Amino acid sequence: MEAFCPNCNTPLEGRVTACPECGSCEETGWSERAKYESMGIDYDEEAFDYDQYLREEFGSNSAANRSGRWWVAVVAVVLVILFLAAYF
């Protein structure tokens, strides 16, 4: 039965302790770091800031956004009251 590297899917022959292609091993946990480094990409898990990504992609949940929603709700309530007053 032939084994494959769980990181880069290279066939592994014999009882190897590290992948000859990407360098992953049991010690590194067949890590993402080894996968990216084998492709020549710098891998720095700490460099990615998920909160900053959310702010850039979806905007912040600032007071300006909340106040804009507030006015939409107020206008909707006023329209409902006017509608009810006109027909009842």
PDB file of N, CA and C in Angstrom:
ATOM      1  N   MET A   1       0.838  -1.174   0.000  1.00  0.00           N
ATOM      2  CA  MET A   1       0.000   0.000   0.000  1.00  0.00           C
ATOM      3  C   MET A   1       0.886   1.242   0.000  1.00  0.00           C
ATOM      4  N   GLU A   2       0.638   2.105  -0.974  1.00  0.00           N
ATOM      5  CA  GLU A   2       1.453   3.309  -1.104  1.00  0.00           C
ATOM      6  C   GLU A   2       0.843   4.435  -0.275  1.00  0.00           C
ATOM      7  N   ALA A   3       1.692   5.138   0.463  1.00  0.00           N
ATOM      8  CA  ALA A   3       1.223   6.260   1.276  1.00  0.00           C
ATOM      9  C   ALA A   3       1.443   7.560   0.518  1.00  0.00           C
ATOM     10  N   PHE A   4       0.659   8.559   0.855  1.00  0.00           N
ATOM     11  CA  PHE A   4       0.767   9.870   0.235  1.00  0.00           C
ATOM     12  C   PHE A   4       0.923  10.929   1.308  1.00  0.00           C
ATOM     13  N   CYS A   5       1.655  11.965   0.992  1.00  0.00           N
ATOM     14  CA  CYS A   5       1.821  13.089   1.908  1.00  0.00           C
ATOM     15  C   CYS A   5       0.460  13.775   2.068  1.00  0.00           C
ATOM     16  N   PRO A   6      -0.020  13.909   3.297  1.00  0.00           N
ATOM     17  CA  PRO A   6      -1.311  14.567   3.489  1.00  0.00           C
ATOM     18  C   PRO A   6      -1.263  16.058   3.192  1.00  0.00           C
ATOM     19  N   ASN A   7      -0.070  16.591   3.020  1.00  0.00           N
ATOM     20  CA  ASN A   7       0.071  18.015   2.753  1.00  0.00           C
ATOM     21  C   ASN A   7       0.103  18.327   1.260  1.00  0.00           C
ATOM     22  N   CYS A   8       0.908  17.584   0.486  1.00  0.00           N
ATOM     23  CA  CYS A   8       1.054  17.901  -0.935  1.00  0.00           C
ATOM     24  C   CYS A   8       0.690  16.734  -1.855  1.00  0.00           C
ATOM     25  N   ASN A   9       0.293  15.619  -1.268  1.00  0.00           N
ATOM     26  CA  ASN A   9      -0.167  14.432  -2.007  1.00  0.00           C
ATOM     27  C   ASN A   9       0.925  13.743  -2.828  1.00  0.00           C
ATOM     28  N   THR A  10       2.181  13.958  -2.457  1.00  0.00           N
ATOM     29  CA  THR A  10       3.286  13.269  -3.116  1.00  0.00           C
ATOM     30  C   THR A  10       3.332  11.828  -2.628  1.00  0.00           C
ATOM     31  N   PRO A  11       3.523  10.863  -3.530  1.00  0.00           N
ATOM     32  CA  PRO A  11       3.651   9.474  -3.077  1.00  0.00           C
ATOM     33  C   PRO A  11       4.875   9.314  -2.168  1.00  0.00           C
ATOM     34  N   LEU A  12       4.694   8.615  -1.059  1.00  0.00           N
ATOM     35  CA  LEU A  12       5.779   8.385  -0.111  1.00  0.00           C
ATOM     36  C   LEU A  12       6.157   6.916  -0.164  1.00  0.00           C
ATOM     37  N   GLU A  13       7.435   6.663  -0.380  1.00  0.00           N
ATOM     38  CA  GLU A  13       7.913   5.287  -0.477  1.00  0.00           C
ATOM     39  C   GLU A  13       8.588   4.885   0.823  1.00  0.00           C
ATOM     40  N   GLY A  14       8.326   3.683   1.238  1.00  0.00           N
ATOM     41  CA  GLY A  14       8.972   3.165   2.443  1.00  0.00           C
ATOM     42  C   GLY A  14       8.406   3.809   3.692  1.00  0.00           C
ATOM     43  N   ARG A  15       9.219   3.795   4.719  1.00  0.00           N
ATOM     44  CA  ARG A  15       8.780   4.339   6.004  1.00  0.00           C
ATOM     45  C   ARG A  15       9.450   5.695   6.225  1.00  0.00           C
ATOM     46  N   VAL A  16       9.129   6.646   5.369  1.00  0.00           N
ATOM     47  CA  VAL A  16       9.727   7.973   5.470  1.00  0.00           C
ATOM     48  C   VAL A  16       9.124   8.728   6.646  1.00  0.00           C
ATOM     49  N   THR A  17       9.919   9.615   7.202  1.00  0.00           N
ATOM     50  CA  THR A  17       9.442  10.430   8.314  1.00  0.00           C
ATOM     51  C   THR A  17       9.179  11.872   7.896  1.00  0.00           C
ATOM     52  N   ALA A  18       9.545  12.199   6.660  1.00  0.00           N
ATOM     53  CA  ALA A  18       9.290  13.538   6.131  1.00  0.00           C
ATOM     54  C   ALA A  18       9.049  13.432   4.639  1.00  0.00           C
ATOM     55  N   CYS A  19       8.250  14.316   4.119  1.00  0.00           N
ATOM     56  CA  CYS A  19       7.958  14.328   2.680  1.00  0.00           C
ATOM     57  C   CYS A  19       9.151  14.901   1.927  1.00  0.00           C
ATOM     58  N   PRO A  20       9.647  14.211   0.914  1.00  0.00           N
ATOM     59  CA  PRO A  20      10.789  14.727   0.177  1.00  0.00           C
ATOM     60  C   PRO A  20      10.420  15.932  -0.697  1.00  0.00           C
ATOM     61  N   GLU A  21       9.149  16.124  -0.973  1.00  0.00           N
ATOM     62  CA  GLU A  21       8.719  17.216  -1.845  1.00  0.00           C
ATOM     63  C   GLU A  21       8.503  18.517  -1.070  1.00  0.00           C
ATOM     64  N   CYS A  22       7.668  18.476  -0.019  1.00  0.00           N
ATOM     65  CA  CYS A  22       7.314  19.723   0.683  1.00  0.00           C
ATOM     66  C   CYS A  22       7.978  19.869   2.039  1.00  0.00           C
ATOM     67  N   GLY A  23       8.553  18.794   2.568  1.00  0.00           N
ATOM     68  CA  GLY A  23       9.256  18.881   3.838  1.00  0.00           C
ATOM     69  C   GLY A  23       8.391  18.659   5.062  1.00  0.00           C
ATOM     70  N   SER A  24       7.112  18.415   4.878  1.00  0.00           N
ATOM     71  CA  SER A  24       6.235  18.167   6.024  1.00  0.00           C
ATOM     72  C   SER A  24       6.651  16.871   6.705  1.00  0.00           C
ATOM     73  N   CYS A  25       6.442  16.827   8.004  1.00  0.00           N
ATOM     74  CA  CYS A  25       6.765  15.625   8.756  1.00  0.00           C
ATOM     75  C   CYS A  25       5.823  15.517   9.945  1.00  0.00           C
ATOM     76  N   GLU A  26       5.943  14.444  10.675  1.00  0.00           N
ATOM     77  CA  GLU A  26       5.102  14.260  11.842  1.00  0.00           C
ATOM     78  C   GLU A  26       5.362  15.344  12.884  1.00  0.00           C
ATOM     79  N   GLU A  27       6.591  15.824  12.974  1.00  0.00           N
ATOM     80  CA  GLU A  27       6.937  16.851  13.949  1.00  0.00           C
ATOM     81  C   GLU A  27       6.243  18.176  13.633  1.00  0.00           C
ATOM     82  N   THR A  28       6.170  18.530  12.358  1.00  0.00           N
ATOM     83  CA  THR A  28       5.503  19.786  11.977  1.00  0.00           C
ATOM     84  C   THR A  28       4.009  19.597  11.843  1.00  0.00           C
ATOM     85  N   GLY A  29       3.546  18.375  12.008  1.00  0.00           N
ATOM     86  CA  GLY A  29       2.116  18.115  11.927  1.00  0.00           C
ATOM     87  C   GLY A  29       1.604  18.172  10.504  1.00  0.00           C
ATOM     88  N   TRP A  30       2.488  17.899   9.549  1.00  0.00           N
ATOM     89  CA  TRP A  30       2.110  18.012   8.136  1.00  0.00           C
ATOM     90  C   TRP A  30       1.452  19.377   7.935  1.00  0.00           C
ATOM     91  N   SER A  31       2.175  20.387   8.335  1.00  0.00           N
ATOM     92  CA  SER A  31       1.651  21.728   8.522  1.00  0.00           C
ATOM     93  C   SER A  31       1.401  22.507   7.243  1.00  0.00           C
ATOM     94  N   GLU A  32       0.561  23.527   7.389  1.00  0.00           N
ATOM     95  CA  GLU A  32       0.318  24.479   6.312  1.00  0.00           C
ATOM     96  C   GLU A  32       1.598  25.240   6.000  1.00  0.00           C
ATOM     97  N   ARG A  33       2.398  25.507   7.033  1.00  0.00           N
ATOM     98  CA  ARG A  33       3.647  26.239   6.834  1.00  0.00           C
ATOM     99  C   ARG A  33       4.529  25.534   5.810  1.00  0.00           C
ATOM    100  N   ALA A  34       4.675  24.223   5.941  1.00  0.00           N
ATOM    101  CA  ALA A  34       5.509  23.472   5.004  1.00  0.00           C
ATOM    102  C   ALA A  34       4.920  23.524   3.602  1.00  0.00           C
ATOM    103  N   LYS A  35       3.614  23.469   3.494  1.00  0.00           N
ATOM    104  CA  LYS A  35       2.958  23.523   2.179  1.00  0.00           C
ATOM    105  C   LYS A  35       3.263  24.843   1.476  1.00  0.00           C
ATOM    106  N   TYR A  36       3.085  25.955   2.175  1.00  0.00           N
ATOM    107  CA  TYR A  36       3.317  27.261   1.557  1.00  0.00           C
ATOM    108  C   TYR A  36       4.794  27.489   1.273  1.00  0.00           C
ATOM    109  N   GLU A  37       5.634  27.090   2.202  1.00  0.00           N
ATOM    110  CA  GLU A  37       7.062  27.284   1.983  1.00  0.00           C
ATOM    111  C   GLU A  37       7.569  26.464   0.812  1.00  0.00           C
ATOM    112  N   SER A  38       6.977  25.290   0.562  1.00  0.00           N
ATOM    113  CA  SER A  38       7.394  24.480  -0.585  1.00  0.00           C
ATOM    114  C   SER A  38       7.014  25.151  -1.905  1.00  0.00           C
ATOM    115  N   MET A  39       6.022  26.052  -1.874  1.00  0.00           N
ATOM    116  CA  MET A  39       5.615  26.783  -3.078  1.00  0.00           C
ATOM    117  C   MET A  39       6.326  28.123  -3.185  1.00  0.00           C
ATOM    118  N   GLY A  40       7.217  28.424  -2.236  1.00  0.00           N
ATOM    119  CA  GLY A  40       7.957  29.672  -2.263  1.00  0.00           C
ATOM    120  C   GLY A  40       7.161  30.852  -1.736  1.00  0.00           C
ATOM    121  N   ILE A  41       6.114  30.580  -0.952  1.00  0.00           N
ATOM    122  CA  ILE A  41       5.278  31.632  -0.395  1.00  0.00           C
ATOM    123  C   ILE A  41       5.610  31.785   1.079  1.00  0.00           C
ATOM    124  N   ASP A  42       5.833  33.029   1.505  1.00  0.00           N
ATOM    125  CA  ASP A  42       6.075  33.274   2.931  1.00  0.00           C
ATOM    126  C   ASP A  42       4.806  32.969   3.704  1.00  0.00           C
ATOM    127  N   TYR A  43       4.948  32.246   4.778  1.00  0.00           N
ATOM    128  CA  TYR A  43       3.809  31.868   5.608  1.00  0.00           C
ATOM    129  C   TYR A  43       4.005  32.441   6.982  1.00  0.00           C
ATOM    130  N   ASP A  44       3.136  33.350   7.368  1.00  0.00           N
ATOM    131  CA  ASP A  44       3.200  33.926   8.702  1.00  0.00           C
ATOM    132  C   ASP A  44       1.783  33.971   9.246  1.00  0.00           C
ATOM    133  N   GLU A  45       1.454  33.016  10.102  1.00  0.00           N
ATOM    134  CA  GLU A  45       0.100  32.891  10.630  1.00  0.00           C
ATOM    135  C   GLU A  45      -0.313  34.129  11.412  1.00  0.00           C
ATOM    136  N   GLU A  46       0.634  34.779  12.054  1.00  0.00           N
ATOM    137  CA  GLU A  46       0.339  35.952  12.864  1.00  0.00           C
ATOM    138  C   GLU A  46       0.085  37.192  12.008  1.00  0.00           C
ATOM    139  N   ALA A  47       0.512  37.207  10.749  1.00  0.00           N
ATOM    140  CA  ALA A  47       0.388  38.401   9.913  1.00  0.00           C
ATOM    141  C   ALA A  47      -1.055  38.667   9.504  1.00  0.00           C
ATOM    142  N   PHE A  48      -1.910  37.680   9.449  1.00  0.00           N
ATOM    143  CA  PHE A  48      -3.285  37.860   9.014  1.00  0.00           C
ATOM    144  C   PHE A  48      -4.149  38.299  10.193  1.00  0.00           C
ATOM    145  N   ASP A  49      -4.763  39.460  10.072  1.00  0.00           N
ATOM    146  CA  ASP A  49      -5.634  39.989  11.120  1.00  0.00           C
ATOM    147  C   ASP A  49      -7.076  39.854  10.653  1.00  0.00           C
ATOM    148  N   TYR A  50      -7.782  38.874  11.191  1.00  0.00           N
ATOM    149  CA  TYR A  50      -9.142  38.579  10.750  1.00  0.00           C
ATOM    150  C   TYR A  50     -10.092  39.735  11.037  1.00  0.00           C
ATOM    151  N   ASP A  51      -9.942  40.395  12.180  1.00  0.00           N
ATOM    152  CA  ASP A  51     -10.805  41.540  12.505  1.00  0.00           C
ATOM    153  C   ASP A  51     -10.605  42.679  11.514  1.00  0.00           C
ATOM    154  N   GLN A  52      -9.368  42.919  11.139  1.00  0.00           N
ATOM    155  CA  GLN A  52      -9.090  43.963  10.148  1.00  0.00           C
ATOM    156  C   GLN A  52      -9.693  43.576   8.799  1.00  0.00           C
ATOM    157  N   TYR A  53      -9.591  42.315   8.432  1.00  0.00           N
ATOM    158  CA  TYR A  53     -10.192  41.838   7.191  1.00  0.00           C
ATOM    159  C   TYR A  53     -11.695  42.108   7.191  1.00  0.00           C
ATOM    160  N   LEU A  54     -12.379  41.806   8.287  1.00  0.00           N
ATOM    161  CA  LEU A  54     -13.823  42.050   8.370  1.00  0.00           C
ATOM    162  C   LEU A  54     -14.148  43.529   8.237  1.00  0.00           C
ATOM    163  N   ARG A  55     -13.351  44.383   8.892  1.00  0.00           N
ATOM    164  CA  ARG A  55     -13.586  45.823   8.793  1.00  0.00           C
ATOM    165  C   ARG A  55     -13.408  46.305   7.359  1.00  0.00           C
ATOM    166  N   GLU A  56     -12.371  45.823   6.672  1.00  0.00           N
ATOM    167  CA  GLU A  56     -12.118  46.257   5.302  1.00  0.00           C
ATOM    168  C   GLU A  56     -13.182  45.758   4.331  1.00  0.00           C
ATOM    169  N   GLU A  57     -13.629  44.533   4.523  1.00  0.00           N
ATOM    170  CA  GLU A  57     -14.595  43.944   3.591  1.00  0.00           C
ATOM    171  C   GLU A  57     -16.028  44.385   3.842  1.00  0.00           C
ATOM    172  N   PHE A  58     -16.404  44.515   5.103  1.00  0.00           N
ATOM    173  CA  PHE A  58     -17.803  44.746   5.428  1.00  0.00           C
ATOM    174  C   PHE A  58     -18.052  46.068   6.139  1.00  0.00           C
ATOM    175  N   GLY A  59     -17.021  46.862   6.347  1.00  0.00           N
ATOM    176  CA  GLY A  59     -17.190  48.131   7.036  1.00  0.00           C
ATOM    177  C   GLY A  59     -17.266  47.921   8.534  1.00  0.00           C
ATOM    178  N   SER A  60     -17.181  49.007   9.239  1.00  0.00           N
ATOM    179  CA  SER A  60     -17.236  48.903  10.692  1.00  0.00           C
ATOM    180  C   SER A  60     -18.669  49.064  11.161  1.00  0.00           C
ATOM    181  N   ASN A  61     -18.910  48.627  12.342  1.00  0.00           N
ATOM    182  CA  ASN A  61     -20.229  48.754  12.947  1.00  0.00           C
ATOM    183  C   ASN A  61     -20.234  50.040  13.766  1.00  0.00           C
ATOM    184  N   SER A  62     -20.012  51.163  13.088  1.00  0.00           N
ATOM    185  CA  SER A  62     -19.853  52.437  13.772  1.00  0.00           C
ATOM    186  C   SER A  62     -21.189  53.058  14.132  1.00  0.00           C
ATOM    187  N   ALA A  63     -21.131  54.130  14.902  1.00  0.00           N
ATOM    188  CA  ALA A  63     -22.345  54.853  15.297  1.00  0.00           C
ATOM    189  C   ALA A  63     -23.034  55.442  14.073  1.00  0.00           C
ATOM    190  N   ALA A  64     -22.283  55.833  13.064  1.00  0.00           N
ATOM    191  CA  ALA A  64     -22.883  56.391  11.842  1.00  0.00           C
ATOM    192  C   ALA A  64     -23.765  55.356  11.154  1.00  0.00           C
ATOM    193  N   ASN A  65     -23.321  54.114  11.106  1.00  0.00           N
ATOM    194  CA  ASN A  65     -24.139  53.059  10.497  1.00  0.00           C
ATOM    195  C   ASN A  65     -25.400  52.811  11.310  1.00  0.00           C
ATOM    196  N   ARG A  66     -25.274  52.812  12.624  1.00  0.00           N
ATOM    197  CA  ARG A  66     -26.441  52.574  13.477  1.00  0.00           C
ATOM    198  C   ARG A  66     -27.434  53.717  13.388  1.00  0.00           C
ATOM    199  N   SER A  67     -26.957  54.965  13.305  1.00  0.00           N
ATOM    200  CA  SER A  67     -27.872  56.098  13.226  1.00  0.00           C
ATOM    201  C   SER A  67     -28.618  56.084  11.898  1.00  0.00           C
ATOM    202  N   GLY A  68     -27.997  55.633  10.847  1.00  0.00           N
ATOM    203  CA  GLY A  68     -28.681  55.522   9.558  1.00  0.00           C
ATOM    204  C   GLY A  68     -29.805  54.501   9.618  1.00  0.00           C
ATOM    205  N   ARG A  69     -29.603  53.424  10.296  1.00  0.00           N
ATOM    206  CA  ARG A  69     -30.654  52.415  10.462  1.00  0.00           C
ATOM    207  C   ARG A  69     -31.785  52.952  11.335  1.00  0.00           C
ATOM    208  N   TRP A  70     -31.443  53.772  12.299  1.00  0.00           N
ATOM    209  CA  TRP A  70     -32.429  54.342  13.199  1.00  0.00           C
ATOM    210  C   TRP A  70     -33.434  55.187  12.414  1.00  0.00           C
ATOM    211  N   TRP A  71     -32.940  56.010  11.505  1.00  0.00           N
ATOM    212  CA  TRP A  71     -33.831  56.874  10.740  1.00  0.00           C
ATOM    213  C   TRP A  71     -34.729  56.074   9.800  1.00  0.00           C
ATOM    214  N   VAL A  72     -34.242  55.008   9.270  1.00  0.00           N
ATOM    215  CA  VAL A  72     -35.078  54.148   8.423  1.00  0.00           C
ATOM    216  C   VAL A  72     -36.221  53.580   9.252  1.00  0.00           C
ATOM    217  N   ALA A  73     -35.943  53.153  10.465  1.00  0.00           N
ATOM    218  CA  ALA A  73     -36.986  52.614  11.338  1.00  0.00           C
ATOM    219  C   ALA A  73     -37.997  53.691  11.709  1.00  0.00           C
ATOM    220  N   VAL A  74     -37.529  54.897  12.005  1.00  0.00           N
ATOM    221  CA  VAL A  74     -38.430  55.994  12.366  1.00  0.00           C
ATOM    222  C   VAL A  74     -39.349  56.334  11.194  1.00  0.00           C
ATOM    223  N   VAL A  75     -38.801  56.435  10.002  1.00  0.00           N
ATOM    224  CA  VAL A  75     -39.605  56.751   8.816  1.00  0.00           C
ATOM    225  C   VAL A  75     -40.641  55.656   8.579  1.00  0.00           C
ATOM    226  N   ALA A  76     -40.253  54.402   8.734  1.00  0.00           N
ATOM    227  CA  ALA A  76     -41.197  53.297   8.540  1.00  0.00           C
ATOM    228  C   ALA A  76     -42.338  53.368   9.549  1.00  0.00           C
ATOM    229  N   VAL A  77     -42.038  53.654  10.806  1.00  0.00           N
ATOM    230  CA  VAL A  77     -43.076  53.750  11.838  1.00  0.00           C
ATOM    231  C   VAL A  77     -44.012  54.917  11.534  1.00  0.00           C
ATOM    232  N   VAL A  78     -43.478  56.059  11.131  1.00  0.00           N
ATOM    233  CA  VAL A  78     -44.306  57.229  10.795  1.00  0.00           C
ATOM    234  C   VAL A  78     -45.221  56.908   9.625  1.00  0.00           C
ATOM    235  N   LEU A  79     -44.713  56.232   8.610  1.00  0.00           N
ATOM    236  CA  LEU A  79     -45.546  55.869   7.453  1.00  0.00           C
ATOM    237  C   LEU A  79     -46.670  54.923   7.858  1.00  0.00           C
ATOM    238  N   VAL A  80     -46.380  53.985   8.726  1.00  0.00           N
ATOM    239  CA  VAL A  80     -47.416  53.059   9.197  1.00  0.00           C
ATOM    240  C   VAL A  80     -48.484  53.824   9.971  1.00  0.00           C
ATOM    241  N   ILE A  81     -48.080  54.739  10.835  1.00  0.00           N
ATOM    242  CA  ILE A  81     -49.042  55.537  11.610  1.00  0.00           C
ATOM    243  C   ILE A  81     -49.908  56.384  10.674  1.00  0.00           C
ATOM    244  N   LEU A  82     -49.300  57.030   9.687  1.00  0.00           N
ATOM    245  CA  LEU A  82     -50.063  57.827   8.718  1.00  0.00           C
ATOM    246  C   LEU A  82     -51.035  56.959   7.931  1.00  0.00           C
ATOM    247  N   PHE A  83     -50.624  55.778   7.526  1.00  0.00           N
ATOM    248  CA  PHE A  83     -51.488  54.867   6.794  1.00  0.00           C
ATOM    249  C   PHE A  83     -52.688  54.460   7.647  1.00  0.00           C
ATOM    250  N   LEU A  84     -52.420  54.103   8.903  1.00  0.00           N
ATOM    251  CA  LEU A  84     -53.512  53.709   9.800  1.00  0.00           C
ATOM    252  C   LEU A  84     -54.450  54.871  10.093  1.00  0.00           C
ATOM    253  N   ALA A  85     -53.908  56.068  10.268  1.00  0.00           N
ATOM    254  CA  ALA A  85     -54.739  57.251  10.543  1.00  0.00           C
ATOM    255  C   ALA A  85     -55.607  57.603   9.344  1.00  0.00           C
ATOM    256  N   ALA A  86     -55.132  57.391   8.148  1.00  0.00           N
ATOM    257  CA  ALA A  86     -55.873  57.757   6.941  1.00  0.00           C
ATOM    258  C   ALA A  86     -57.021  56.791   6.655  1.00  0.00           C
ATOM    259  N   TYR A  87     -56.890  55.539   7.023  1.00  0.00           N
ATOM    260  CA  TYR A  87     -57.905  54.549   6.674  1.00  0.00           C
ATOM    261  C   TYR A  87     -58.773  54.122   7.858  1.00  0.00           C
ATOM    262  N   PHE A  88     -58.557  54.584   9.061  1.00  0.00           N
ATOM    263  CA  PHE A  88     -59.377  54.199  10.212  1.00  0.00           C
ATOM    264  C   PHE A  88     -59.955  55.390  10.886  1.00  0.00           C
TER     265      PHE A  88
END
